[in-house]
Amino acid sequence: LLRAATSSAPGIPVKATVATGDPDPFTTGPGSLFTRAMAGGEPLLLTGEELIAELAPVDPGQAARVRAYGVHSWLLVPMSARGAVLGAAVFVRHARAQGFEPDDVLLAEEISARAAVCIDNASRYTRERTAALALRRSLLPQ
């Protein structure tokens, strides 16, 4: 998986996250966090030392940044549309004392579902437009 977009909360510089267009180090391998969440179709919530323990073997540098910025709650939500998993959205808490609650997970699922439908619609439009343009060009006299 490639990072499609990045937004950062105040206090965490965008450069601390994976750059847009770069492979996300957490997506590699059959046991990765992304693979597990996307295969299961359910959100994955990690908190505190559990989060550091999951990240450290994959990317020790990222685990150190997570610790340095005080990230204590990490929520990964699969993005699905029309029966296909398109990717995943990650939500992070670092400044608030409390972690994600069940209502936060439901909201993240709703946001991710809507985003997935928008992404799928854009992809379908691009495919259909490309096909229509190719057909139009093929019908023009040479």
N, C-alpha and C. Protein backbone atom coordinates (compact mmCIF):
# COMPACT_ATOMS: atom_id res chain seq x y z
N LEU A 1 0.83 -1.19 0.00
CA LEU A 1 0.00 0.00 0.00
C LEU A 1 0.87 1.25 0.00
N LEU A 2 0.43 2.24 -0.76
CA LEU A 2 1.11 3.54 -0.78
C LEU A 2 0.28 4.53 0.01
N ARG A 3 0.93 5.46 0.65
CA ARG A 3 0.24 6.51 1.40
C ARG A 3 -0.40 7.44 0.38
N ALA A 4 -1.74 7.61 0.44
CA ALA A 4 -2.46 8.44 -0.51
C ALA A 4 -2.64 9.87 0.00
N ALA A 5 -2.70 10.04 1.30
CA ALA A 5 -2.89 11.37 1.88
C ALA A 5 -2.35 11.37 3.29
N THR A 6 -1.96 12.55 3.74
CA THR A 6 -1.45 12.69 5.10
C THR A 6 -1.95 14.00 5.68
N SER A 7 -2.44 13.94 6.87
CA SER A 7 -2.80 15.14 7.61
C SER A 7 -2.27 14.97 9.01
N SER A 8 -1.80 16.04 9.58
CA SER A 8 -1.17 15.94 10.89
C SER A 8 -1.81 16.91 11.87
N ALA A 9 -1.95 16.45 13.09
CA ALA A 9 -2.52 17.28 14.15
C ALA A 9 -1.50 18.31 14.60
N PRO A 10 -1.97 19.40 15.19
CA PRO A 10 -1.03 20.38 15.74
C PRO A 10 -0.08 19.71 16.73
N GLY A 11 1.18 20.04 16.62
CA GLY A 11 2.17 19.46 17.52
C GLY A 11 2.93 18.29 16.94
N ILE A 12 2.41 17.72 15.85
CA ILE A 12 3.12 16.63 15.18
C ILE A 12 3.41 17.09 13.76
N PRO A 13 4.68 17.33 13.42
CA PRO A 13 4.99 17.77 12.07
C PRO A 13 4.67 16.69 11.04
N VAL A 14 4.18 17.12 9.88
CA VAL A 14 3.83 16.17 8.82
C VAL A 14 5.04 15.31 8.47
N LYS A 15 6.24 15.86 8.54
CA LYS A 15 7.43 15.08 8.19
C LYS A 15 7.63 13.89 9.13
N ALA A 16 6.94 13.87 10.27
CA ALA A 16 7.06 12.75 11.20
C ALA A 16 6.26 11.54 10.73
N THR A 17 5.39 11.75 9.74
CA THR A 17 4.58 10.66 9.23
C THR A 17 5.17 10.17 7.90
N VAL A 18 4.58 9.14 7.34
CA VAL A 18 5.02 8.63 6.04
C VAL A 18 4.59 9.62 4.97
N ALA A 19 5.47 9.95 4.04
CA ALA A 19 5.17 10.92 2.99
C ALA A 19 4.16 10.36 2.00
N THR A 20 3.34 11.26 1.45
CA THR A 20 2.36 10.87 0.44
C THR A 20 3.07 10.25 -0.75
N GLY A 21 2.56 9.11 -1.21
CA GLY A 21 3.15 8.40 -2.34
C GLY A 21 4.20 7.38 -1.97
N ASP A 22 4.66 7.40 -0.72
CA ASP A 22 5.66 6.43 -0.26
C ASP A 22 4.98 5.17 0.27
N PRO A 23 5.66 4.04 0.16
CA PRO A 23 5.11 2.82 0.76
C PRO A 23 5.05 2.98 2.28
N ASP A 24 3.98 2.51 2.86
CA ASP A 24 3.82 2.59 4.30
C ASP A 24 4.51 1.38 4.92
N PRO A 25 5.46 1.57 5.82
CA PRO A 25 6.21 0.43 6.37
C PRO A 25 5.35 -0.53 7.18
N PHE A 26 4.19 -0.08 7.64
CA PHE A 26 3.34 -0.96 8.45
C PHE A 26 2.50 -1.90 7.60
N THR A 27 2.55 -1.75 6.27
CA THR A 27 1.68 -2.56 5.42
C THR A 27 2.35 -3.81 4.90
N THR A 28 3.62 -3.99 5.19
CA THR A 28 4.34 -5.12 4.62
C THR A 28 4.12 -6.39 5.44
N GLY A 29 4.11 -7.49 4.75
CA GLY A 29 4.06 -8.79 5.41
C GLY A 29 2.65 -9.25 5.72
N PRO A 30 2.47 -10.56 5.76
CA PRO A 30 1.15 -11.13 6.00
C PRO A 30 0.62 -10.86 7.40
N GLY A 31 1.47 -10.62 8.36
CA GLY A 31 1.01 -10.37 9.72
C GLY A 31 0.97 -8.91 10.09
N SER A 32 1.13 -8.02 9.09
CA SER A 32 1.17 -6.59 9.40
C SER A 32 -0.18 -6.11 9.94
N LEU A 33 -0.15 -4.97 10.60
CA LEU A 33 -1.36 -4.40 11.17
C LEU A 33 -2.40 -4.14 10.08
N PHE A 34 -1.97 -3.57 8.96
CA PHE A 34 -2.89 -3.28 7.87
C PHE A 34 -3.48 -4.56 7.30
N THR A 35 -2.64 -5.55 7.08
CA THR A 35 -3.12 -6.82 6.52
C THR A 35 -4.15 -7.45 7.43
N ARG A 36 -3.89 -7.46 8.71
CA ARG A 36 -4.83 -8.06 9.67
C ARG A 36 -6.16 -7.32 9.68
N ALA A 37 -6.11 -6.00 9.73
CA ALA A 37 -7.35 -5.22 9.78
C ALA A 37 -8.13 -5.33 8.47
N MET A 38 -7.43 -5.26 7.34
CA MET A 38 -8.11 -5.31 6.06
C MET A 38 -8.67 -6.69 5.77
N ALA A 39 -7.96 -7.74 6.16
CA ALA A 39 -8.45 -9.10 5.94
C ALA A 39 -9.67 -9.38 6.81
N GLY A 40 -9.64 -8.87 8.03
CA GLY A 40 -10.75 -9.09 8.94
C GLY A 40 -11.92 -8.15 8.71
N GLY A 41 -11.66 -7.02 8.04
CA GLY A 41 -12.72 -6.06 7.77
C GLY A 41 -13.18 -5.29 8.99
N GLU A 42 -12.44 -5.39 10.07
CA GLU A 42 -12.82 -4.72 11.32
C GLU A 42 -11.74 -3.73 11.74
N PRO A 43 -12.13 -2.68 12.46
CA PRO A 43 -11.13 -1.73 12.96
C PRO A 43 -10.15 -2.41 13.92
N LEU A 44 -8.95 -1.89 13.95
CA LEU A 44 -7.92 -2.40 14.86
C LEU A 44 -7.49 -1.24 15.74
N LEU A 45 -7.67 -1.40 17.05
CA LEU A 45 -7.34 -0.36 18.01
C LEU A 45 -6.19 -0.83 18.89
N LEU A 46 -5.11 -0.04 18.89
CA LEU A 46 -3.95 -0.35 19.73
C LEU A 46 -3.69 0.84 20.64
N THR A 47 -3.30 0.54 21.87
CA THR A 47 -3.04 1.61 22.83
C THR A 47 -1.73 1.35 23.58
N GLY A 48 -1.14 2.44 24.05
CA GLY A 48 0.02 2.37 24.93
C GLY A 48 1.15 1.49 24.44
N GLU A 49 1.66 0.68 25.33
CA GLU A 49 2.80 -0.18 25.02
C GLU A 49 2.47 -1.25 23.99
N GLU A 50 1.20 -1.62 23.89
CA GLU A 50 0.77 -2.58 22.87
C GLU A 50 1.09 -2.02 21.48
N LEU A 51 0.87 -0.72 21.29
CA LEU A 51 1.17 -0.07 20.01
C LEU A 51 2.66 -0.10 19.72
N ILE A 52 3.47 0.28 20.70
CA ILE A 52 4.93 0.28 20.53
C ILE A 52 5.42 -1.13 20.23
N ALA A 53 4.88 -2.13 20.93
CA ALA A 53 5.30 -3.53 20.73
C ALA A 53 5.00 -4.00 19.31
N GLU A 54 3.91 -3.53 18.72
CA GLU A 54 3.55 -3.92 17.35
C GLU A 54 4.44 -3.22 16.32
N LEU A 55 4.77 -1.96 16.58
CA LEU A 55 5.53 -1.17 15.60
C LEU A 55 7.02 -1.44 15.64
N ALA A 56 7.57 -1.68 16.82
CA ALA A 56 9.02 -1.80 16.98
C ALA A 56 9.67 -2.84 16.06
N PRO A 57 9.12 -4.06 15.92
CA PRO A 57 9.78 -5.03 15.03
C PRO A 57 9.75 -4.62 13.56
N VAL A 58 8.71 -3.88 13.15
CA VAL A 58 8.55 -3.50 11.75
C VAL A 58 9.41 -2.28 11.42
N ASP A 59 9.35 -1.26 12.26
CA ASP A 59 10.07 -0.01 12.00
C ASP A 59 10.44 0.63 13.34
N PRO A 60 11.62 0.31 13.87
CA PRO A 60 12.03 0.86 15.16
C PRO A 60 12.04 2.39 15.19
N GLY A 61 12.39 3.02 14.07
CA GLY A 61 12.40 4.48 14.00
C GLY A 61 11.01 5.06 14.18
N GLN A 62 10.04 4.45 13.52
CA GLN A 62 8.65 4.92 13.66
C GLN A 62 8.15 4.68 15.08
N ALA A 63 8.51 3.56 15.66
CA ALA A 63 8.11 3.28 17.05
C ALA A 63 8.70 4.34 17.98
N ALA A 64 9.93 4.75 17.73
CA ALA A 64 10.56 5.80 18.55
C ALA A 64 9.85 7.14 18.37
N ARG A 65 9.44 7.45 17.12
CA ARG A 65 8.71 8.70 16.88
C ARG A 65 7.34 8.67 17.57
N VAL A 66 6.68 7.53 17.50
CA VAL A 66 5.38 7.38 18.16
C VAL A 66 5.53 7.66 19.65
N ARG A 67 6.55 7.10 20.24
CA ARG A 67 6.81 7.31 21.67
C ARG A 67 7.17 8.77 21.94
N ALA A 68 8.04 9.36 21.10
CA ALA A 68 8.50 10.73 21.31
C ALA A 68 7.36 11.75 21.23
N TYR A 69 6.40 11.51 20.33
CA TYR A 69 5.28 12.44 20.19
C TYR A 69 4.13 12.13 21.14
N GLY A 70 4.29 11.12 21.96
CA GLY A 70 3.28 10.82 22.97
C GLY A 70 2.02 10.17 22.41
N VAL A 71 2.13 9.51 21.27
CA VAL A 71 0.98 8.82 20.70
C VAL A 71 0.62 7.66 21.63
N HIS A 72 -0.63 7.63 22.07
CA HIS A 72 -1.04 6.59 23.01
C HIS A 72 -2.23 5.77 22.53
N SER A 73 -2.82 6.17 21.41
CA SER A 73 -3.97 5.44 20.90
C SER A 73 -3.95 5.52 19.38
N TRP A 74 -4.05 4.37 18.72
CA TRP A 74 -3.90 4.27 17.27
C TRP A 74 -5.05 3.41 16.75
N LEU A 75 -5.82 3.93 15.80
CA LEU A 75 -6.99 3.24 15.27
C LEU A 75 -6.85 3.10 13.76
N LEU A 76 -6.88 1.87 13.27
CA LEU A 76 -6.79 1.58 11.85
C LEU A 76 -8.16 1.05 11.40
N VAL A 77 -8.75 1.70 10.41
CA VAL A 77 -10.08 1.32 9.94
C VAL A 77 -10.01 0.97 8.45
N PRO A 78 -10.40 -0.27 8.08
CA PRO A 78 -10.42 -0.63 6.66
C PRO A 78 -11.41 0.25 5.89
N MET A 79 -11.04 0.58 4.65
CA MET A 79 -11.89 1.38 3.78
C MET A 79 -12.44 0.46 2.69
N SER A 80 -13.76 0.18 2.76
CA SER A 80 -14.39 -0.74 1.82
C SER A 80 -15.52 -0.04 1.09
N ALA A 81 -15.67 -0.40 -0.20
CA ALA A 81 -16.78 0.10 -1.00
C ALA A 81 -17.19 -0.98 -1.98
N ARG A 82 -18.48 -1.21 -2.08
CA ARG A 82 -19.03 -2.20 -3.01
C ARG A 82 -18.35 -3.56 -2.87
N GLY A 83 -18.08 -3.96 -1.64
CA GLY A 83 -17.52 -5.28 -1.38
C GLY A 83 -16.03 -5.42 -1.57
N ALA A 84 -15.35 -4.34 -1.90
CA ALA A 84 -13.89 -4.40 -2.10
C ALA A 84 -13.19 -3.52 -1.08
N VAL A 85 -12.10 -4.04 -0.52
CA VAL A 85 -11.29 -3.25 0.41
C VAL A 85 -10.32 -2.41 -0.42
N LEU A 86 -10.38 -1.09 -0.25
CA LEU A 86 -9.56 -0.17 -1.03
C LEU A 86 -8.30 0.26 -0.30
N GLY A 87 -8.31 0.15 0.99
CA GLY A 87 -7.18 0.59 1.80
C GLY A 87 -7.59 0.71 3.25
N ALA A 88 -6.94 1.61 3.95
CA ALA A 88 -7.25 1.80 5.37
C ALA A 88 -6.98 3.24 5.77
N ALA A 89 -7.72 3.69 6.76
CA ALA A 89 -7.50 5.02 7.35
C ALA A 89 -6.95 4.83 8.75
N VAL A 90 -6.02 5.68 9.12
CA VAL A 90 -5.40 5.60 10.45
C VAL A 90 -5.72 6.88 11.21
N PHE A 91 -6.18 6.71 12.43
CA PHE A 91 -6.48 7.82 13.32
C PHE A 91 -5.61 7.67 14.56
N VAL A 92 -5.06 8.78 15.03
CA VAL A 92 -4.10 8.74 16.14
C VAL A 92 -4.50 9.75 17.20
N ARG A 93 -4.34 9.37 18.45
CA ARG A 93 -4.51 10.32 19.57
C ARG A 93 -3.17 10.47 20.27
N HIS A 94 -2.83 11.74 20.55
CA HIS A 94 -1.56 11.95 21.23
C HIS A 94 -1.63 13.00 22.32
N ALA A 95 -2.49 13.97 22.21
CA ALA A 95 -2.50 15.05 23.19
C ALA A 95 -3.55 14.84 24.28
N ARG A 96 -4.67 14.28 23.90
CA ARG A 96 -5.72 14.02 24.88
C ARG A 96 -5.30 12.90 25.82
N ALA A 97 -5.75 13.00 27.04
CA ALA A 97 -5.41 11.97 28.01
C ALA A 97 -6.14 10.66 27.72
N GLN A 98 -7.34 10.76 27.18
CA GLN A 98 -8.12 9.55 26.93
C GLN A 98 -7.87 8.99 25.54
N GLY A 99 -8.00 7.69 25.41
CA GLY A 99 -7.86 7.04 24.12
C GLY A 99 -9.18 7.07 23.37
N PHE A 100 -9.23 6.32 22.28
CA PHE A 100 -10.46 6.24 21.51
C PHE A 100 -11.51 5.44 22.29
N GLU A 101 -12.74 5.90 22.20
CA GLU A 101 -13.87 5.22 22.83
C GLU A 101 -14.71 4.57 21.74
N PRO A 102 -15.68 3.72 22.11
CA PRO A 102 -16.51 3.06 21.09
C PRO A 102 -17.19 4.03 20.13
N ASP A 103 -17.65 5.18 20.61
CA ASP A 103 -18.27 6.16 19.71
C ASP A 103 -17.26 6.72 18.72
N ASP A 104 -16.02 6.88 19.14
CA ASP A 104 -14.97 7.35 18.23
C ASP A 104 -14.73 6.33 17.12
N VAL A 105 -14.75 5.06 17.48
CA VAL A 105 -14.55 3.99 16.50
C VAL A 105 -15.68 4.01 15.48
N LEU A 106 -16.92 4.17 15.95
CA LEU A 106 -18.07 4.23 15.03
C LEU A 106 -17.95 5.42 14.08
N LEU A 107 -17.55 6.57 14.60
CA LEU A 107 -17.38 7.75 13.76
C LEU A 107 -16.27 7.53 12.73
N ALA A 108 -15.17 6.94 13.15
CA ALA A 108 -14.06 6.65 12.23
C ALA A 108 -14.51 5.68 11.13
N GLU A 109 -15.33 4.69 11.50
CA GLU A 109 -15.86 3.75 10.49
C GLU A 109 -16.74 4.48 9.49
N GLU A 110 -17.57 5.40 9.95
CA GLU A 110 -18.45 6.15 9.06
C GLU A 110 -17.64 7.05 8.12
N ILE A 111 -16.66 7.75 8.66
CA ILE A 111 -15.81 8.61 7.84
C ILE A 111 -15.08 7.77 6.78
N SER A 112 -14.54 6.64 7.19
CA SER A 112 -13.80 5.76 6.28
C SER A 112 -14.70 5.18 5.20
N ALA A 113 -15.92 4.81 5.56
CA ALA A 113 -16.86 4.26 4.59
C ALA A 113 -17.22 5.31 3.53
N ARG A 114 -17.48 6.53 3.97
CA ARG A 114 -17.81 7.59 3.02
C ARG A 114 -16.63 7.92 2.12
N ALA A 115 -15.45 7.98 2.70
CA ALA A 115 -14.25 8.24 1.89
C ALA A 115 -14.03 7.13 0.87
N ALA A 116 -14.26 5.89 1.27
CA ALA A 116 -14.07 4.76 0.36
C ALA A 116 -15.02 4.84 -0.82
N VAL A 117 -16.28 5.21 -0.58
CA VAL A 117 -17.24 5.35 -1.67
C VAL A 117 -16.80 6.47 -2.62
N CYS A 118 -16.32 7.57 -2.07
CA CYS A 118 -15.83 8.68 -2.92
C CYS A 118 -14.64 8.24 -3.77
N ILE A 119 -13.71 7.51 -3.16
CA ILE A 119 -12.54 7.02 -3.90
C ILE A 119 -12.97 6.05 -4.99
N ASP A 120 -13.90 5.16 -4.66
CA ASP A 120 -14.38 4.19 -5.65
C ASP A 120 -15.10 4.89 -6.79
N ASN A 121 -15.93 5.88 -6.47
CA ASN A 121 -16.63 6.63 -7.52
C ASN A 121 -15.64 7.35 -8.44
N ALA A 122 -14.62 7.96 -7.87
CA ALA A 122 -13.60 8.64 -8.67
C ALA A 122 -12.86 7.66 -9.57
N SER A 123 -12.56 6.50 -9.03
CA SER A 123 -11.87 5.47 -9.81
C SER A 123 -12.74 4.98 -10.96
N ARG A 124 -14.01 4.74 -10.68
CA ARG A 124 -14.94 4.30 -11.74
C ARG A 124 -15.07 5.37 -12.82
N TYR A 125 -15.22 6.62 -12.40
CA TYR A 125 -15.34 7.72 -13.36
C TYR A 125 -14.10 7.77 -14.26
N THR A 126 -12.93 7.68 -13.67
CA THR A 126 -11.69 7.75 -14.44
C THR A 126 -11.62 6.60 -15.45
N ARG A 127 -11.97 5.40 -15.00
CA ARG A 127 -11.95 4.23 -15.89
C ARG A 127 -12.92 4.42 -17.06
N GLU A 128 -14.16 4.85 -16.74
CA GLU A 128 -15.17 5.01 -17.79
C GLU A 128 -14.81 6.15 -18.75
N ARG A 129 -14.28 7.23 -18.23
CA ARG A 129 -13.88 8.36 -19.08
C ARG A 129 -12.74 7.95 -20.00
N THR A 130 -11.77 7.22 -19.47
CA THR A 130 -10.65 6.76 -20.29
C THR A 130 -11.14 5.85 -21.41
N ALA A 131 -12.08 4.95 -21.09
CA ALA A 131 -12.64 4.06 -22.11
C ALA A 131 -13.41 4.85 -23.17
N ALA A 132 -14.19 5.84 -22.73
CA ALA A 132 -14.96 6.65 -23.68
C ALA A 132 -14.04 7.45 -24.60
N LEU A 133 -12.98 8.01 -24.06
CA LEU A 133 -12.03 8.77 -24.89
C LEU A 133 -11.33 7.85 -25.89
N ALA A 134 -10.97 6.66 -25.46
CA ALA A 134 -10.32 5.70 -26.37
C ALA A 134 -11.28 5.30 -27.49
N LEU A 135 -12.54 5.08 -27.16
CA LEU A 135 -13.54 4.73 -28.17
C LEU A 135 -13.72 5.89 -29.14
N ARG A 136 -13.82 7.11 -28.63
CA ARG A 136 -13.99 8.27 -29.49
C ARG A 136 -12.81 8.41 -30.45
N ARG A 137 -11.59 8.24 -29.93
CA ARG A 137 -10.40 8.34 -30.80
C ARG A 137 -10.41 7.24 -31.87
N SER A 138 -10.87 6.06 -31.50
CA SER A 138 -10.87 4.96 -32.48
C SER A 138 -11.90 5.18 -33.58
N LEU A 139 -12.93 5.97 -33.30
CA LEU A 139 -13.97 6.22 -34.30
C LEU A 139 -13.65 7.40 -35.22
N LEU A 140 -12.68 8.22 -34.83
CA LEU A 140 -12.29 9.36 -35.67
C LEU A 140 -11.54 8.86 -36.90
N PRO A 141 -11.75 9.55 -38.03
CA PRO A 141 -11.01 9.14 -39.23
C PRO A 141 -9.51 9.39 -39.05
N GLN A 142 -8.72 8.51 -39.61
CA GLN A 142 -7.26 8.61 -39.48
C GLN A 142 -6.72 9.65 -40.37
